[in-house]
Amino acid sequence: EEPTLRFRNYAPASADLAPAAAPAAEPLALGGAGAAEEAGAAAPADDLANVLPKKQDFDLKRDVEPKLEKLERRTQRALVALLSKQQEPQQQGDEATPVAAQ
């Protein structure tokens, strides 16, 4: 016994297979209270607020925060090094000039 073909998801292109196509299903019509519930369910924004995360970049912030802390420490060290390099010539110039006696 050969299996019978049923084309439920698409219409076959071949005319030989057309009789095996399943009839198109009709969508169920909602009536009465079901229709009112369906129409009202899409409207409230309160439901969306409960589903969506409070901050959309929460996971990004969590993943990047350790790297930012490391970068902040490196930045502070670089600033200290630059300031000390700028102050070295000034300090050497001050030491070379004689101090007037008071």
Protein backbone atom coordinates (compact mmCIF):
# COMPACT_ATOMS: atom_id res chain seq x y z
CA GLU A 1 0.00 0.00 0.00
CA GLU A 2 1.49 3.32 -1.10
CA PRO A 3 1.23 6.39 1.12
CA THR A 4 -1.16 9.02 -0.13
CA LEU A 5 0.15 12.50 -0.70
CA ARG A 6 -1.65 15.44 0.85
CA PHE A 7 -0.45 18.90 -0.04
CA ARG A 8 -1.60 20.98 2.92
CA ASN A 9 0.88 23.86 2.82
CA TYR A 10 1.05 24.64 -0.88
CA ALA A 11 -0.73 24.12 -4.15
CA PRO A 12 1.10 21.66 -6.41
CA ALA A 13 2.30 23.02 -9.74
CA SER A 14 1.64 19.80 -11.59
CA ALA A 15 -1.88 19.07 -12.81
CA ASP A 16 -1.35 15.37 -12.01
CA LEU A 17 -0.90 16.19 -8.30
CA ALA A 18 -3.77 18.71 -8.06
CA PRO A 19 -6.34 16.12 -6.82
CA ALA A 20 -4.05 15.35 -3.85
CA ALA A 21 -4.14 18.96 -2.65
CA ALA A 22 -6.04 19.48 0.58
CA PRO A 23 -8.83 22.05 0.52
CA ALA A 24 -7.95 25.44 1.97
CA ALA A 25 -8.92 25.73 5.63
CA GLU A 26 -11.31 28.48 6.64
CA PRO A 27 -10.32 30.57 9.65
CA LEU A 28 -12.63 30.29 12.62
CA ALA A 29 -14.83 33.30 13.20
CA LEU A 30 -14.80 34.59 16.74
CA GLY A 31 -18.16 35.61 17.99
CA GLY A 32 -19.58 37.15 21.13
CA ALA A 33 -17.27 37.54 24.12
CA GLY A 34 -14.28 36.04 22.33
CA ALA A 35 -14.25 38.82 19.74
CA ALA A 36 -14.40 41.52 22.42
CA GLU A 37 -11.52 39.93 24.32
CA GLU A 38 -9.45 39.64 21.15
CA ALA A 39 -10.01 43.29 20.22
CA GLY A 40 -9.26 44.54 23.74
CA ALA A 41 -6.15 42.42 24.23
CA ALA A 42 -4.05 44.31 21.70
CA ALA A 43 -4.84 47.80 23.03
CA PRO A 44 -3.45 48.08 26.60
CA ALA A 45 0.13 49.28 26.84
CA ASP A 46 0.39 47.93 30.40
CA ASP A 47 0.86 44.43 29.04
CA LEU A 48 3.79 45.56 26.92
CA ALA A 49 5.41 47.25 29.91
CA ASN A 50 5.33 43.96 31.80
CA VAL A 51 6.82 41.99 28.93
CA LEU A 52 9.57 44.37 27.80
CA PRO A 53 12.69 44.80 29.91
CA LYS A 54 12.96 48.09 31.78
CA LYS A 55 16.23 49.01 30.16
CA GLN A 56 16.87 47.62 26.72
CA ASP A 57 20.64 47.88 27.06
CA PHE A 58 20.85 46.04 30.38
CA ASP A 59 22.73 43.04 28.97
CA LEU A 60 25.04 45.30 26.98
CA LYS A 61 25.83 47.33 30.09
CA ARG A 62 26.47 44.18 32.10
CA ASP A 63 28.85 42.74 29.50
CA VAL A 64 30.79 45.94 28.84
CA GLU A 65 31.06 47.30 32.40
CA PRO A 66 34.18 45.29 33.43
CA LYS A 67 35.96 46.43 30.27
CA LEU A 68 35.01 50.04 30.93
CA GLU A 69 36.37 49.85 34.49
CA LYS A 70 39.66 48.50 33.17
CA LEU A 71 39.78 51.26 30.54
CA GLU A 72 39.02 53.92 33.18
CA ARG A 73 41.98 52.75 35.30
CA ARG A 74 44.29 52.85 32.29
CA THR A 75 43.05 56.33 31.41
CA GLN A 76 43.74 57.62 34.93
CA ARG A 77 47.27 56.17 34.85
CA ALA A 78 47.94 57.76 31.45
CA LEU A 79 46.72 61.16 32.69
CA VAL A 80 48.98 60.96 35.73
CA ALA A 81 51.94 60.06 33.51
CA LEU A 82 51.24 62.97 31.14
CA LEU A 83 50.90 65.46 33.99
CA SER A 84 54.12 64.28 35.60
CA LYS A 85 55.98 64.61 32.28
CA GLN A 86 54.67 68.15 31.87
CA GLN A 87 55.69 69.12 35.41
CA GLU A 88 59.24 67.66 35.22
CA PRO A 89 60.67 70.45 33.01
CA GLN A 90 58.98 73.09 35.15
CA GLN A 91 60.46 71.59 38.34
CA GLN A 92 63.92 71.33 36.79
CA GLY A 93 63.69 74.94 35.63
CA ASP A 94 62.71 76.06 39.14
CA GLU A 95 65.63 74.19 40.72
CA ALA A 96 68.14 75.74 38.29
CA THR A 97 67.21 79.36 39.08
CA PRO A 98 68.69 80.67 42.32
CA VAL A 99 66.26 81.55 45.06
CA ALA A 100 66.50 85.15 46.21
CA ALA A 101 67.42 85.53 49.87
CA GLN A 102 64.84 87.20 51.96
